[in-house]
Amino acid sequence: MIPPQKVFDAKTGTGASSGVHFGKVFNSVIAQLNLTYGTTPTITIALEGSQDNTNWVILHSDTFTTGTPKELTTTKPYQHYRLNITVNTNVTVTGYIGAS
């Protein structure tokens, strides 16, 4: 098991995190999201994978309006993983990616 690595630290707005490479391919990857909501919040966030840290595909995406913490998971093996926020209205995100 690989301990979760922080990829977002109190992020607001949209955009992708840096890619995380665990040194080998894992079949189970989890993104843990701690979300702080403001007024009328909405966030769409994706766990993405890449074999080359350049070309990314969406492995799991979801939209949240309440509740914390949240998780995104995948069993698709890739070399690199990242989080990508495509919609963010009044949400602050601290995010981690880990593998087992």
PDB file of N, CA and C in Angstrom:
ATOM      1  N   MET A   1       0.836  -1.185   0.000  1.00  0.00           N
ATOM      2  CA  MET A   1       0.000   0.000   0.000  1.00  0.00           C
ATOM      3  C   MET A   1       0.880   1.247   0.000  1.00  0.00           C
ATOM      4  N   ILE A   2       0.461   2.234  -0.775  1.00  0.00           N
ATOM      5  CA  ILE A   2       1.158   3.521  -0.846  1.00  0.00           C
ATOM      6  C   ILE A   2       0.349   4.550  -0.069  1.00  0.00           C
ATOM      7  N   PRO A   3       0.951   5.225   0.907  1.00  0.00           N
ATOM      8  CA  PRO A   3       0.218   6.257   1.646  1.00  0.00           C
ATOM      9  C   PRO A   3      -0.263   7.353   0.702  1.00  0.00           C
ATOM     10  N   PRO A   4      -1.425   7.934   0.996  1.00  0.00           N
ATOM     11  CA  PRO A   4      -1.947   9.002   0.143  1.00  0.00           C
ATOM     12  C   PRO A   4      -0.993  10.193   0.064  1.00  0.00           C
ATOM     13  N   GLN A   5      -0.865  10.733  -1.143  1.00  0.00           N
ATOM     14  CA  GLN A   5      -0.055  11.920  -1.372  1.00  0.00           C
ATOM     15  C   GLN A   5      -0.989  13.111  -1.604  1.00  0.00           C
ATOM     16  N   LYS A   6      -0.701  14.226  -0.939  1.00  0.00           N
ATOM     17  CA  LYS A   6      -1.531  15.418  -1.086  1.00  0.00           C
ATOM     18  C   LYS A   6      -1.269  16.051  -2.453  1.00  0.00           C
ATOM     19  N   VAL A   7      -2.362  16.257  -3.215  1.00  0.00           N
ATOM     20  CA  VAL A   7      -2.235  16.870  -4.535  1.00  0.00           C
ATOM     21  C   VAL A   7      -2.943  18.220  -4.618  1.00  0.00           C
ATOM     22  N   PHE A   8      -3.895  18.468  -3.731  1.00  0.00           N
ATOM     23  CA  PHE A   8      -4.547  19.772  -3.596  1.00  0.00           C
ATOM     24  C   PHE A   8      -4.513  20.167  -2.131  1.00  0.00           C
ATOM     25  N   ASP A   9      -4.149  21.410  -1.850  1.00  0.00           N
ATOM     26  CA  ASP A   9      -4.133  21.918  -0.479  1.00  0.00           C
ATOM     27  C   ASP A   9      -4.958  23.201  -0.427  1.00  0.00           C
ATOM     28  N   ALA A  10      -6.209  23.079   0.005  1.00  0.00           N
ATOM     29  CA  ALA A  10      -7.139  24.212   0.092  1.00  0.00           C
ATOM     30  C   ALA A  10      -7.283  24.906  -1.258  1.00  0.00           C
ATOM     31  N   LYS A  11      -7.459  24.103  -2.314  1.00  0.00           N
ATOM     32  CA  LYS A  11      -7.600  24.643  -3.670  1.00  0.00           C
ATOM     33  C   LYS A  11      -9.001  25.196  -3.880  1.00  0.00           C
ATOM     34  N   THR A  12      -9.051  26.356  -4.490  1.00  0.00           N
ATOM     35  CA  THR A  12     -10.294  26.932  -4.973  1.00  0.00           C
ATOM     36  C   THR A  12     -10.153  27.079  -6.478  1.00  0.00           C
ATOM     37  N   GLY A  13     -11.234  27.201  -7.181  1.00  0.00           N
ATOM     38  CA  GLY A  13     -11.167  27.329  -8.629  1.00  0.00           C
ATOM     39  C   GLY A  13     -11.072  25.980  -9.315  1.00  0.00           C
ATOM     40  N   THR A  14     -10.674  26.016 -10.596  1.00  0.00           N
ATOM     41  CA  THR A  14     -10.600  24.804 -11.399  1.00  0.00           C
ATOM     42  C   THR A  14      -9.159  24.520 -11.795  1.00  0.00           C
ATOM     43  N   GLY A  15      -8.947  23.348 -12.403  1.00  0.00           N
ATOM     44  CA  GLY A  15      -7.625  22.980 -12.895  1.00  0.00           C
ATOM     45  C   GLY A  15      -7.178  21.630 -12.379  1.00  0.00           C
ATOM     46  N   ALA A  16      -6.107  21.140 -12.962  1.00  0.00           N
ATOM     47  CA  ALA A  16      -5.576  19.817 -12.636  1.00  0.00           C
ATOM     48  C   ALA A  16      -4.431  19.906 -11.637  1.00  0.00           C
ATOM     49  N   SER A  17      -4.308  18.859 -10.845  1.00  0.00           N
ATOM     50  CA  SER A  17      -3.166  18.741  -9.939  1.00  0.00           C
ATOM     51  C   SER A  17      -1.966  18.230 -10.729  1.00  0.00           C
ATOM     52  N   SER A  18      -0.825  18.199 -10.109  1.00  0.00           N
ATOM     53  CA  SER A  18       0.337  17.538 -10.694  1.00  0.00           C
ATOM     54  C   SER A  18       0.068  16.042 -10.716  1.00  0.00           C
ATOM     55  N   GLY A  19       0.726  15.348 -11.635  1.00  0.00           N
ATOM     56  CA  GLY A  19       0.584  13.899 -11.699  1.00  0.00           C
ATOM     57  C   GLY A  19       1.345  13.218 -10.577  1.00  0.00           C
ATOM     58  N   VAL A  20       0.788  12.126 -10.081  1.00  0.00           N
ATOM     59  CA  VAL A  20       1.418  11.316  -9.043  1.00  0.00           C
ATOM     60  C   VAL A  20       1.852  10.003  -9.677  1.00  0.00           C
ATOM     61  N   HIS A  21       3.107   9.630  -9.468  1.00  0.00           N
ATOM     62  CA  HIS A  21       3.635   8.363  -9.967  1.00  0.00           C
ATOM     63  C   HIS A  21       4.101   7.547  -8.767  1.00  0.00           C
ATOM     64  N   PHE A  22       3.600   6.330  -8.641  1.00  0.00           N
ATOM     65  CA  PHE A  22       3.901   5.506  -7.470  1.00  0.00           C
ATOM     66  C   PHE A  22       5.093   4.581  -7.676  1.00  0.00           C
ATOM     67  N   GLY A  23       5.748   4.637  -8.819  1.00  0.00           N
ATOM     68  CA  GLY A  23       6.920   3.800  -9.061  1.00  0.00           C
ATOM     69  C   GLY A  23       6.593   2.471  -9.711  1.00  0.00           C
ATOM     70  N   LYS A  24       5.336   2.077  -9.690  1.00  0.00           N
ATOM     71  CA  LYS A  24       4.877   0.875 -10.377  1.00  0.00           C
ATOM     72  C   LYS A  24       3.367   1.009 -10.569  1.00  0.00           C
ATOM     73  N   VAL A  25       2.796   0.088 -11.326  1.00  0.00           N
ATOM     74  CA  VAL A  25       1.363   0.115 -11.607  1.00  0.00           C
ATOM     75  C   VAL A  25       0.607  -0.558 -10.470  1.00  0.00           C
ATOM     76  N   PHE A  26      -0.440   0.105  -9.988  1.00  0.00           N
ATOM     77  CA  PHE A  26      -1.323  -0.459  -8.967  1.00  0.00           C
ATOM     78  C   PHE A  26      -2.705  -0.663  -9.562  1.00  0.00           C
ATOM     79  N   ASN A  27      -3.410  -1.678  -9.093  1.00  0.00           N
ATOM     80  CA  ASN A  27      -4.748  -1.968  -9.603  1.00  0.00           C
ATOM     81  C   ASN A  27      -5.859  -1.315  -8.803  1.00  0.00           C
ATOM     82  N   SER A  28      -5.538  -0.704  -7.680  1.00  0.00           N
ATOM     83  CA  SER A  28      -6.549  -0.043  -6.865  1.00  0.00           C
ATOM     84  C   SER A  28      -6.022   1.322  -6.429  1.00  0.00           C
ATOM     85  N   VAL A  29      -6.672   2.370  -6.912  1.00  0.00           N
ATOM     86  CA  VAL A  29      -6.264   3.737  -6.593  1.00  0.00           C
ATOM     87  C   VAL A  29      -7.467   4.486  -6.040  1.00  0.00           C
ATOM     88  N   ILE A  30      -7.235   5.271  -4.997  1.00  0.00           N
ATOM     89  CA  ILE A  30      -8.319   6.019  -4.360  1.00  0.00           C
ATOM     90  C   ILE A  30      -7.896   7.476  -4.184  1.00  0.00           C
ATOM     91  N   ALA A  31      -8.832   8.361  -4.478  1.00  0.00           N
ATOM     92  CA  ALA A  31      -8.639   9.787  -4.216  1.00  0.00           C
ATOM     93  C   ALA A  31      -9.557  10.163  -3.066  1.00  0.00           C
ATOM     94  N   GLN A  32      -8.982  10.721  -2.021  1.00  0.00           N
ATOM     95  CA  GLN A  32      -9.745  11.177  -0.860  1.00  0.00           C
ATOM     96  C   GLN A  32      -9.885  12.683  -0.959  1.00  0.00           C
ATOM     97  N   LEU A  33     -11.114  13.180  -0.827  1.00  0.00           N
ATOM     98  CA  LEU A  33     -11.404  14.592  -0.989  1.00  0.00           C
ATOM     99  C   LEU A  33     -12.029  15.151   0.270  1.00  0.00           C
ATOM    100  N   ASN A  34     -11.409  16.176   0.816  1.00  0.00           N
ATOM    101  CA  ASN A  34     -12.000  16.927   1.914  1.00  0.00           C
ATOM    102  C   ASN A  34     -12.520  18.230   1.321  1.00  0.00           C
ATOM    103  N   LEU A  35     -13.823  18.421   1.388  1.00  0.00           N
ATOM    104  CA  LEU A  35     -14.478  19.541   0.730  1.00  0.00           C
ATOM    105  C   LEU A  35     -15.090  20.476   1.761  1.00  0.00           C
ATOM    106  N   THR A  36     -14.860  21.769   1.593  1.00  0.00           N
ATOM    107  CA  THR A  36     -15.477  22.793   2.427  1.00  0.00           C
ATOM    108  C   THR A  36     -16.373  23.620   1.518  1.00  0.00           C
ATOM    109  N   TYR A  37     -17.654  23.682   1.873  1.00  0.00           N
ATOM    110  CA  TYR A  37     -18.648  24.298   1.009  1.00  0.00           C
ATOM    111  C   TYR A  37     -18.995  25.705   1.449  1.00  0.00           C
ATOM    112  N   GLY A  38     -19.143  26.602   0.458  1.00  0.00           N
ATOM    113  CA  GLY A  38     -19.654  27.948   0.685  1.00  0.00           C
ATOM    114  C   GLY A  38     -21.119  27.989   0.295  1.00  0.00           C
ATOM    115  N   THR A  39     -21.597  29.166  -0.079  1.00  0.00           N
ATOM    116  CA  THR A  39     -22.985  29.359  -0.474  1.00  0.00           C
ATOM    117  C   THR A  39     -23.229  28.779  -1.870  1.00  0.00           C
ATOM    118  N   THR A  40     -24.342  28.068  -2.048  1.00  0.00           N
ATOM    119  CA  THR A  40     -24.737  27.416  -3.315  1.00  0.00           C
ATOM    120  C   THR A  40     -23.558  26.699  -3.993  1.00  0.00           C
ATOM    121  N   PRO A  41     -22.964  25.710  -3.319  1.00  0.00           N
ATOM    122  CA  PRO A  41     -21.757  25.060  -3.847  1.00  0.00           C
ATOM    123  C   PRO A  41     -22.050  23.980  -4.883  1.00  0.00           C
ATOM    124  N   THR A  42     -21.140  23.830  -5.812  1.00  0.00           N
ATOM    125  CA  THR A  42     -21.127  22.723  -6.773  1.00  0.00           C
ATOM    126  C   THR A  42     -19.680  22.505  -7.187  1.00  0.00           C
ATOM    127  N   ILE A  43     -19.281  21.231  -7.242  1.00  0.00           N
ATOM    128  CA  ILE A  43     -17.938  20.912  -7.740  1.00  0.00           C
ATOM    129  C   ILE A  43     -18.016  19.635  -8.559  1.00  0.00           C
ATOM    130  N   THR A  44     -17.343  19.647  -9.705  1.00  0.00           N
ATOM    131  CA  THR A  44     -17.169  18.449 -10.517  1.00  0.00           C
ATOM    132  C   THR A  44     -15.678  18.178 -10.556  1.00  0.00           C
ATOM    133  N   ILE A  45     -15.323  16.971 -10.126  1.00  0.00           N
ATOM    134  CA  ILE A  45     -13.906  16.611 -10.015  1.00  0.00           C
ATOM    135  C   ILE A  45     -13.705  15.205 -10.566  1.00  0.00           C
ATOM    136  N   ALA A  46     -12.580  15.017 -11.258  1.00  0.00           N
ATOM    137  CA  ALA A  46     -12.291  13.730 -11.880  1.00  0.00           C
ATOM    138  C   ALA A  46     -10.955  13.186 -11.396  1.00  0.00           C
ATOM    139  N   LEU A  47     -10.907  11.868 -11.236  1.00  0.00           N
ATOM    140  CA  LEU A  47      -9.657  11.140 -11.052  1.00  0.00           C
ATOM    141  C   LEU A  47      -9.242  10.706 -12.450  1.00  0.00           C
ATOM    142  N   GLU A  48      -8.050  11.119 -12.869  1.00  0.00           N
ATOM    143  CA  GLU A  48      -7.578  10.833 -14.219  1.00  0.00           C
ATOM    144  C   GLU A  48      -6.315   9.978 -14.187  1.00  0.00           C
ATOM    145  N   GLY A  49      -6.098   9.217 -15.260  1.00  0.00           N
ATOM    146  CA  GLY A  49      -4.911   8.384 -15.381  1.00  0.00           C
ATOM    147  C   GLY A  49      -4.168   8.651 -16.672  1.00  0.00           C
ATOM    148  N   SER A  50      -2.858   8.377 -16.656  1.00  0.00           N
ATOM    149  CA  SER A  50      -2.015   8.577 -17.831  1.00  0.00           C
ATOM    150  C   SER A  50      -0.887   7.563 -17.812  1.00  0.00           C
ATOM    151  N   GLN A  51      -0.491   7.103 -18.987  1.00  0.00           N
ATOM    152  CA  GLN A  51       0.678   6.225 -19.083  1.00  0.00           C
ATOM    153  C   GLN A  51       1.967   7.028 -19.246  1.00  0.00           C
ATOM    154  N   ASP A  52       1.844   8.295 -19.732  1.00  0.00           N
ATOM    155  CA  ASP A  52       3.037   9.076 -20.051  1.00  0.00           C
ATOM    156  C   ASP A  52       3.102  10.434 -19.339  1.00  0.00           C
ATOM    157  N   ASN A  53       2.159  10.725 -18.441  1.00  0.00           N
ATOM    158  CA  ASN A  53       2.091  11.980 -17.700  1.00  0.00           C
ATOM    159  C   ASN A  53       1.818  13.181 -18.620  1.00  0.00           C
ATOM    160  N   THR A  54       1.302  12.898 -19.825  1.00  0.00           N
ATOM    161  CA  THR A  54       0.972  13.948 -20.787  1.00  0.00           C
ATOM    162  C   THR A  54      -0.471  13.811 -21.287  1.00  0.00           C
ATOM    163  N   ASN A  55      -0.837  12.615 -21.694  1.00  0.00           N
ATOM    164  CA  ASN A  55      -2.171  12.332 -22.224  1.00  0.00           C
ATOM    165  C   ASN A  55      -3.020  11.683 -21.134  1.00  0.00           C
ATOM    166  N   TRP A  56      -4.101  12.365 -20.726  1.00  0.00           N
ATOM    167  CA  TRP A  56      -4.897  11.949 -19.578  1.00  0.00           C
ATOM    168  C   TRP A  56      -6.278  11.461 -19.996  1.00  0.00           C
ATOM    169  N   VAL A  57      -6.790  10.450 -19.279  1.00  0.00           N
ATOM    170  CA  VAL A  57      -8.146   9.947 -19.480  1.00  0.00           C
ATOM    171  C   VAL A  57      -8.888   9.970 -18.147  1.00  0.00           C
ATOM    172  N   ILE A  58     -10.184  10.195 -18.212  1.00  0.00           N
ATOM    173  CA  ILE A  58     -11.011  10.212 -17.001  1.00  0.00           C
ATOM    174  C   ILE A  58     -11.310   8.776 -16.579  1.00  0.00           C
ATOM    175  N   LEU A  59     -10.986   8.463 -15.327  1.00  0.00           N
ATOM    176  CA  LEU A  59     -11.243   7.134 -14.771  1.00  0.00           C
ATOM    177  C   LEU A  59     -12.488   7.116 -13.897  1.00  0.00           C
ATOM    178  N   HIS A  60     -12.749   8.227 -13.221  1.00  0.00           N
ATOM    179  CA  HIS A  60     -13.922   8.356 -12.352  1.00  0.00           C
ATOM    180  C   HIS A  60     -14.178   9.849 -12.158  1.00  0.00           C
ATOM    181  N   SER A  61     -15.410  10.266 -12.399  1.00  0.00           N
ATOM    182  CA  SER A  61     -15.769  11.671 -12.237  1.00  0.00           C
ATOM    183  C   SER A  61     -17.088  11.758 -11.493  1.00  0.00           C
ATOM    184  N   ASP A  62     -17.243  12.805 -10.690  1.00  0.00           N
ATOM    185  CA  ASP A  62     -18.489  12.976  -9.949  1.00  0.00           C
ATOM    186  C   ASP A  62     -18.697  14.448  -9.646  1.00  0.00           C
ATOM    187  N   THR A  63     -19.950  14.796  -9.378  1.00  0.00           N
ATOM    188  CA  THR A  63     -20.329  16.151  -8.977  1.00  0.00           C
ATOM    189  C   THR A  63     -20.882  16.096  -7.565  1.00  0.00           C
ATOM    190  N   PHE A  64     -20.431  17.030  -6.716  1.00  0.00           N
ATOM    191  CA  PHE A  64     -20.863  17.077  -5.325  1.00  0.00           C
ATOM    192  C   PHE A  64     -21.431  18.455  -5.003  1.00  0.00           C
ATOM    193  N   THR A  65     -22.445  18.457  -4.123  1.00  0.00           N
ATOM    194  CA  THR A  65     -23.011  19.722  -3.642  1.00  0.00           C
ATOM    195  C   THR A  65     -23.060  19.777  -2.122  1.00  0.00           C
ATOM    196  N   THR A  66     -22.918  18.640  -1.459  1.00  0.00           N
ATOM    197  CA  THR A  66     -22.893  18.595   0.004  1.00  0.00           C
ATOM    198  C   THR A  66     -22.081  17.394   0.461  1.00  0.00           C
ATOM    199  N   GLY A  67     -21.712  17.398   1.741  1.00  0.00           N
ATOM    200  CA  GLY A  67     -21.064  16.248   2.364  1.00  0.00           C
ATOM    201  C   GLY A  67     -19.559  16.240   2.210  1.00  0.00           C
ATOM    202  N   THR A  68     -18.896  15.723   3.229  1.00  0.00           N
ATOM    203  CA  THR A  68     -17.455  15.566   3.215  1.00  0.00           C
ATOM    204  C   THR A  68     -17.102  14.483   4.231  1.00  0.00           C
ATOM    205  N   PRO A  69     -16.086  13.694   4.061  1.00  0.00           N
ATOM    206  CA  PRO A  69     -15.222  13.622   2.892  1.00  0.00           C
ATOM    207  C   PRO A  69     -15.850  12.783   1.775  1.00  0.00           C
ATOM    208  N   LYS A  70     -15.279  12.862   0.614  1.00  0.00           N
ATOM    209  CA  LYS A  70     -15.720  12.095  -0.550  1.00  0.00           C
ATOM    210  C   LYS A  70     -14.549  11.290  -1.078  1.00  0.00           C
ATOM    211  N   GLU A  71     -14.866  10.270  -1.906  1.00  0.00           N
ATOM    212  CA  GLU A  71     -13.818   9.443  -2.506  1.00  0.00           C
ATOM    213  C   GLU A  71     -14.128   9.188  -3.975  1.00  0.00           C
ATOM    214  N   LEU A  72     -13.078   9.109  -4.764  1.00  0.00           N
ATOM    215  CA  LEU A  72     -13.150   8.647  -6.142  1.00  0.00           C
ATOM    216  C   LEU A  72     -12.205   7.458  -6.232  1.00  0.00           C
ATOM    217  N   THR A  73     -12.638   6.366  -6.867  1.00  0.00           N
ATOM    218  CA  THR A  73     -11.805   5.165  -6.935  1.00  0.00           C
ATOM    219  C   THR A  73     -11.722   4.648  -8.367  1.00  0.00           C
ATOM    220  N   THR A  74     -10.693   3.840  -8.610  1.00  0.00           N
ATOM    221  CA  THR A  74     -10.561   3.157  -9.889  1.00  0.00           C
ATOM    222  C   THR A  74      -9.771   1.869  -9.699  1.00  0.00           C
ATOM    223  N   THR A  75     -10.036   0.917 -10.559  1.00  0.00           N
ATOM    224  CA  THR A  75      -9.245  -0.316 -10.599  1.00  0.00           C
ATOM    225  C   THR A  75      -8.523  -0.421 -11.943  1.00  0.00           C
ATOM    226  N   LYS A  76      -8.484   0.683 -12.668  1.00  0.00           N
ATOM    227  CA  LYS A  76      -7.794   0.708 -13.969  1.00  0.00           C
ATOM    228  C   LYS A  76      -6.329   1.076 -13.748  1.00  0.00           C
ATOM    229  N   PRO A  77      -5.397   0.199 -14.168  1.00  0.00           N
ATOM    230  CA  PRO A  77      -3.973   0.443 -13.910  1.00  0.00           C
ATOM    231  C   PRO A  77      -3.349   1.450 -14.877  1.00  0.00           C
ATOM    232  N   TYR A  78      -2.749   2.480 -14.312  1.00  0.00           N
ATOM    233  CA  TYR A  78      -2.022   3.501 -15.072  1.00  0.00           C
ATOM    234  C   TYR A  78      -0.717   3.812 -14.352  1.00  0.00           C
ATOM    235  N   GLN A  79       0.203   4.475 -15.037  1.00  0.00           N
ATOM    236  CA  GLN A  79       1.480   4.878 -14.451  1.00  0.00           C
ATOM    237  C   GLN A  79       1.345   6.131 -13.590  1.00  0.00           C
ATOM    238  N   HIS A  80       0.461   7.049 -13.982  1.00  0.00           N
ATOM    239  CA  HIS A  80       0.318   8.349 -13.322  1.00  0.00           C
ATOM    240  C   HIS A  80      -1.163   8.617 -13.052  1.00  0.00           C
ATOM    241  N   TYR A  81      -1.416   9.343 -11.968  1.00  0.00           N
ATOM    242  CA  TYR A  81      -2.776   9.729 -11.602  1.00  0.00           C
ATOM    243  C   TYR A  81      -2.789  11.191 -11.187  1.00  0.00           C
ATOM    244  N   ARG A  82      -3.935  11.842 -11.382  1.00  0.00           N
ATOM    245  CA  ARG A  82      -4.103  13.213 -10.926  1.00  0.00           C
ATOM    246  C   ARG A  82      -5.583  13.480 -10.694  1.00  0.00           C
ATOM    247  N   LEU A  83      -5.883  14.605 -10.035  1.00  0.00           N
ATOM    248  CA  LEU A  83      -7.241  15.097  -9.892  1.00  0.00           C
ATOM    249  C   LEU A  83      -7.409  16.301 -10.802  1.00  0.00           C
ATOM    250  N   ASN A  84      -8.603  16.443 -11.367  1.00  0.00           N
ATOM    251  CA  ASN A  84      -8.880  17.574 -12.249  1.00  0.00           C
ATOM    252  C   ASN A  84     -10.261  18.134 -11.907  1.00  0.00           C
ATOM    253  N   ILE A  85     -10.298  19.392 -11.482  1.00  0.00           N
ATOM    254  CA  ILE A  85     -11.547  20.076 -11.161  1.00  0.00           C
ATOM    255  C   ILE A  85     -11.988  20.843 -12.398  1.00  0.00           C
ATOM    256  N   THR A  86     -13.180  20.514 -12.930  1.00  0.00           N
ATOM    257  CA  THR A  86     -13.662  21.176 -14.143  1.00  0.00           C
ATOM    258  C   THR A  86     -14.750  22.202 -13.846  1.00  0.00           C
ATOM    259  N   VAL A  87     -15.447  22.049 -12.731  1.00  0.00           N
ATOM    260  CA  VAL A  87     -16.456  23.018 -12.287  1.00  0.00           C
ATOM    261  C   VAL A  87     -16.249  23.223 -10.800  1.00  0.00           C
ATOM    262  N   ASN A  88     -16.211  24.490 -10.365  1.00  0.00           N
ATOM    263  CA  ASN A  88     -16.076  24.750  -8.931  1.00  0.00           C
ATOM    264  C   ASN A  88     -16.746  26.079  -8.593  1.00  0.00           C
ATOM    265  N   THR A  89     -17.837  25.967  -7.866  1.00  0.00           N
ATOM    266  CA  THR A  89     -18.537  27.147  -7.376  1.00  0.00           C
ATOM    267  C   THR A  89     -18.561  27.083  -5.859  1.00  0.00           C
ATOM    268  N   ASN A  90     -17.746  27.888  -5.216  1.00  0.00           N
ATOM    269  CA  ASN A  90     -17.739  28.038  -3.762  1.00  0.00           C
ATOM    270  C   ASN A  90     -17.378  26.766  -2.998  1.00  0.00           C
ATOM    271  N   VAL A  91     -16.392  26.019  -3.485  1.00  0.00           N
ATOM    272  CA  VAL A  91     -15.908  24.831  -2.785  1.00  0.00           C
ATOM    273  C   VAL A  91     -14.388  24.924  -2.674  1.00  0.00           C
ATOM    274  N   THR A  92     -13.859  24.591  -1.486  1.00  0.00           N
ATOM    275  CA  THR A  92     -12.422  24.504  -1.250  1.00  0.00           C
ATOM    276  C   THR A  92     -12.067  23.027  -1.101  1.00  0.00           C
ATOM    277  N   VAL A  93     -11.012  22.583  -1.787  1.00  0.00           N
ATOM    278  CA  VAL A  93     -10.665  21.156  -1.866  1.00  0.00           C
ATOM    279  C   VAL A  93      -9.268  20.905  -1.327  1.00  0.00           C
ATOM    280  N   THR A  94      -9.156  19.913  -0.443  1.00  0.00           N
ATOM    281  CA  THR A  94      -7.876  19.310  -0.112  1.00  0.00           C
ATOM    282  C   THR A  94      -7.991  17.868  -0.569  1.00  0.00           C
ATOM    283  N   GLY A  95      -7.079  17.442  -1.460  1.00  0.00           N
ATOM    284  CA  GLY A  95      -7.206  16.117  -2.075  1.00  0.00           C
ATOM    285  C   GLY A  95      -5.940  15.306  -1.977  1.00  0.00           C
ATOM    286  N   TYR A  96      -6.125  13.997  -1.853  1.00  0.00           N
ATOM    287  CA  TYR A  96      -5.030  13.037  -1.720  1.00  0.00           C
ATOM    288  C   TYR A  96      -5.264  11.894  -2.694  1.00  0.00           C
ATOM    289  N   ILE A  97      -4.161  11.305  -3.204  1.00  0.00           N
ATOM    290  CA  ILE A  97      -4.248  10.107  -4.040  1.00  0.00           C
ATOM    291  C   ILE A  97      -3.339   9.055  -3.427  1.00  0.00           C
ATOM    292  N   GLY A  98      -3.887   7.844  -3.228  1.00  0.00           N
ATOM    293  CA  GLY A  98      -3.129   6.726  -2.694  1.00  0.00           C
ATOM    294  C   GLY A  98      -3.412   5.463  -3.496  1.00  0.00           C
ATOM    295  N   ALA A  99      -2.632   4.403  -3.268  1.00  0.00           N
ATOM    296  CA  ALA A  99      -2.783   3.173  -4.040  1.00  0.00           C
ATOM    297  C   ALA A  99      -2.520   1.959  -3.169  1.00  0.00           C
ATOM    298  N   SER A 100      -3.128   0.849  -3.605  1.00  0.00           N
ATOM    299  CA  SER A 100      -2.854  -0.441  -2.937  1.00  0.00           C
ATOM    300  C   SER A 100      -2.896  -1.560  -3.956  1.00  0.00           C
TER     301      SER A 100
END
